[in-house]
């Protein structure tokens, strides 16, 4: 059972870390392209800014969903319950 818990802890760390890395790269690319587009056509900057903030919100939502799933595995791990149910007939 300790292996399931330790592998789950590694998976949780991996999910949160990769989610943060992906969002960081995505926001960096998005911000760079926004500045490039605003420098090329300054009159479109307000429209581009609005669309950029919408995409930033969607990027953050993806990261928060990943954090939510990781917290589910960290605090209400369904795999531990399945392992307990599978081992219950053997132990009893």
C-alpha atoms as a PDB file:
ATOM      1  CA  UNK A   1       0.000   0.000   0.000  1.00  0.00           C
ATOM      2  CA  UNK A   2       2.915   2.330   0.639  1.00  0.00           C
ATOM      3  CA  UNK A   3       3.973   1.984  -2.996  1.00  0.00           C
ATOM      4  CA  UNK A   4       0.569   3.159  -4.203  1.00  0.00           C
ATOM      5  CA  UNK A   5       0.733   6.182  -1.917  1.00  0.00           C
ATOM      6  CA  UNK A   6       4.292   7.055  -2.938  1.00  0.00           C
ATOM      7  CA  UNK A   7       3.551   6.678  -6.650  1.00  0.00           C
ATOM      8  CA  UNK A   8       0.460   8.824  -6.190  1.00  0.00           C
ATOM      9  CA  UNK A   9       2.547  11.526  -4.504  1.00  0.00           C
ATOM     10  CA  UNK A  10       4.959  11.468  -7.445  1.00  0.00           C
ATOM     11  CA  UNK A  11       2.071  11.651  -9.915  1.00  0.00           C
ATOM     12  CA  UNK A  12       0.552  14.603  -8.047  1.00  0.00           C
ATOM     13  CA  UNK A  13       3.870  16.461  -8.111  1.00  0.00           C
ATOM     14  CA  UNK A  14       4.290  15.661 -11.802  1.00  0.00           C
ATOM     15  CA  UNK A  15       0.754  16.864 -12.650  1.00  0.00           C
ATOM     16  CA  UNK A  16       1.135  20.154 -10.816  1.00  0.00           C
ATOM     17  CA  UNK A  17       4.664  20.748 -12.125  1.00  0.00           C
ATOM     18  CA  UNK A  18       3.892  19.977 -15.756  1.00  0.00           C
ATOM     19  CA  UNK A  19       0.725  22.056 -15.578  1.00  0.00           C
ATOM     20  CA  UNK A  20       2.663  25.033 -14.247  1.00  0.00           C
ATOM     21  CA  UNK A  21       5.390  24.567 -16.844  1.00  0.00           C
ATOM     22  CA  UNK A  22       2.894  24.367 -19.696  1.00  0.00           C
ATOM     23  CA  UNK A  23       0.993  27.439 -18.550  1.00  0.00           C
ATOM     24  CA  UNK A  24       4.242  29.369 -18.097  1.00  0.00           C
ATOM     25  CA  UNK A  25       5.412  28.549 -21.611  1.00  0.00           C
ATOM     26  CA  UNK A  26       1.969  29.287 -23.046  1.00  0.00           C
ATOM     27  CA  UNK A  27       1.719  32.666 -21.333  1.00  0.00           C
ATOM     28  CA  UNK A  28       5.228  33.570 -22.430  1.00  0.00           C
ATOM     29  CA  UNK A  29       4.428  32.794 -26.049  1.00  0.00           C
ATOM     30  CA  UNK A  30       1.088  34.566 -25.816  1.00  0.00           C
ATOM     31  CA  UNK A  31       2.571  37.697 -24.267  1.00  0.00           C
ATOM     32  CA  UNK A  32       5.347  37.835 -26.836  1.00  0.00           C
ATOM     33  CA  UNK A  33       2.942  37.475 -29.742  1.00  0.00           C
ATOM     34  CA  UNK A  34       0.649  40.103 -28.229  1.00  0.00           C
ATOM     35  CA  UNK A  35       3.508  42.605 -27.951  1.00  0.00           C
ATOM     36  CA  UNK A  36       4.589  41.807 -31.487  1.00  0.00           C
ATOM     37  CA  UNK A  37       1.072  42.309 -32.839  1.00  0.00           C
ATOM     38  CA  UNK A  38       0.562  45.524 -30.866  1.00  0.00           C
ATOM     39  CA  UNK A  39       3.888  46.889 -32.125  1.00  0.00           C
ATOM     40  CA  UNK A  40       2.986  46.115 -35.736  1.00  0.00           C
ATOM     41  CA  UNK A  41      -0.525  47.603 -35.576  1.00  0.00           C
ATOM     42  CA  UNK A  42      -0.999  49.814 -32.526  1.00  0.00           C
ATOM     43  CA  UNK A  43      -4.606  50.616 -33.422  1.00  0.00           C
ATOM     44  CA  UNK A  44      -5.558  46.966 -32.862  1.00  0.00           C
ATOM     45  CA  UNK A  45      -3.936  46.785 -29.404  1.00  0.00           C
ATOM     46  CA  UNK A  46      -7.206  47.101 -27.379  1.00  0.00           C
ATOM     47  CA  UNK A  47      -8.871  44.307 -29.350  1.00  0.00           C
ATOM     48  CA  UNK A  48      -5.785  42.107 -29.094  1.00  0.00           C
ATOM     49  CA  UNK A  49      -5.534  42.806 -25.373  1.00  0.00           C
ATOM     50  CA  UNK A  50      -9.116  41.680 -24.797  1.00  0.00           C
ATOM     51  CA  UNK A  51      -8.533  38.455 -26.696  1.00  0.00           C
ATOM     52  CA  UNK A  52      -5.229  37.902 -24.908  1.00  0.00           C
ATOM     53  CA  UNK A  53      -6.903  38.142 -21.490  1.00  0.00           C
ATOM     54  CA  UNK A  54      -9.565  35.637 -22.548  1.00  0.00           C
ATOM     55  CA  UNK A  55      -6.899  33.154 -23.610  1.00  0.00           C
ATOM     56  CA  UNK A  56      -4.930  33.766 -20.385  1.00  0.00           C
ATOM     57  CA  UNK A  57      -8.067  32.940 -18.399  1.00  0.00           C
ATOM     58  CA  UNK A  58      -8.488  29.703 -20.357  1.00  0.00           C
ATOM     59  CA  UNK A  59      -4.836  28.796 -19.778  1.00  0.00           C
ATOM     60  CA  UNK A  60      -5.241  29.370 -16.052  1.00  0.00           C
ATOM     61  CA  UNK A  61      -8.410  27.283 -16.044  1.00  0.00           C
ATOM     62  CA  UNK A  62      -6.517  24.331 -17.519  1.00  0.00           C
ATOM     63  CA  UNK A  63      -3.881  24.630 -14.790  1.00  0.00           C
ATOM     64  CA  UNK A  64      -6.503  24.885 -12.042  1.00  0.00           C
ATOM     65  CA  UNK A  65      -8.290  21.767 -13.339  1.00  0.00           C
ATOM     66  CA  UNK A  66      -4.970  19.926 -13.149  1.00  0.00           C
ATOM     67  CA  UNK A  67      -4.416  21.163  -9.592  1.00  0.00           C
ATOM     68  CA  UNK A  68      -7.948  20.068  -8.654  1.00  0.00           C
ATOM     69  CA  UNK A  69      -7.399  16.565 -10.006  1.00  0.00           C
ATOM     70  CA  UNK A  70      -4.008  16.380  -8.283  1.00  0.00           C
ATOM     71  CA  UNK A  71      -5.556  17.411  -4.960  1.00  0.00           C
ATOM     72  CA  UNK A  72      -8.244  14.766  -5.430  1.00  0.00           C
ATOM     73  CA  UNK A  73      -5.543  12.128  -5.766  1.00  0.00           C
ATOM     74  CA  UNK A  74      -3.586  13.571  -2.839  1.00  0.00           C
ATOM     75  CA  UNK A  75      -6.429  13.709  -0.303  1.00  0.00           C
ATOM     76  CA  UNK A  76      -9.151  11.330  -1.528  1.00  0.00           C
ATOM     77  CA  UNK A  77      -7.122   8.746  -3.377  1.00  0.00           C
ATOM     78  CA  UNK A  78      -9.476   6.223  -5.019  1.00  0.00           C
ATOM     79  CA  UNK A  79      -6.593   3.834  -5.690  1.00  0.00           C
ATOM     80  CA  UNK A  80      -5.932   3.258  -1.984  1.00  0.00           C
ATOM     81  CA  UNK A  81      -9.567   2.274  -1.407  1.00  0.00           C
ATOM     82  CA  UNK A  82      -9.443  -0.157  -4.324  1.00  0.00           C
ATOM     83  CA  UNK A  83      -6.248  -1.664  -2.946  1.00  0.00           C
ATOM     84  CA  UNK A  84      -7.788  -2.017   0.524  1.00  0.00           C
ATOM     85  CA  UNK A  85     -10.858  -3.744  -0.961  1.00  0.00           C
ATOM     86  CA  UNK A  86      -8.664  -6.086  -2.977  1.00  0.00           C
ATOM     87  CA  UNK A  87      -6.513  -6.996   0.025  1.00  0.00           C
ATOM     88  CA  UNK A  88      -9.384  -7.304   2.527  1.00  0.00           C
ATOM     89  CA  UNK A  89     -10.238 -10.958   1.726  1.00  0.00           C
ATOM     90  CA  UNK A  90      -6.551 -11.908   1.925  1.00  0.00           C
ATOM     91  CA  UNK A  91      -5.972 -10.254   5.314  1.00  0.00           C
ATOM     92  CA  UNK A  92      -9.254 -11.444   6.867  1.00  0.00           C
END
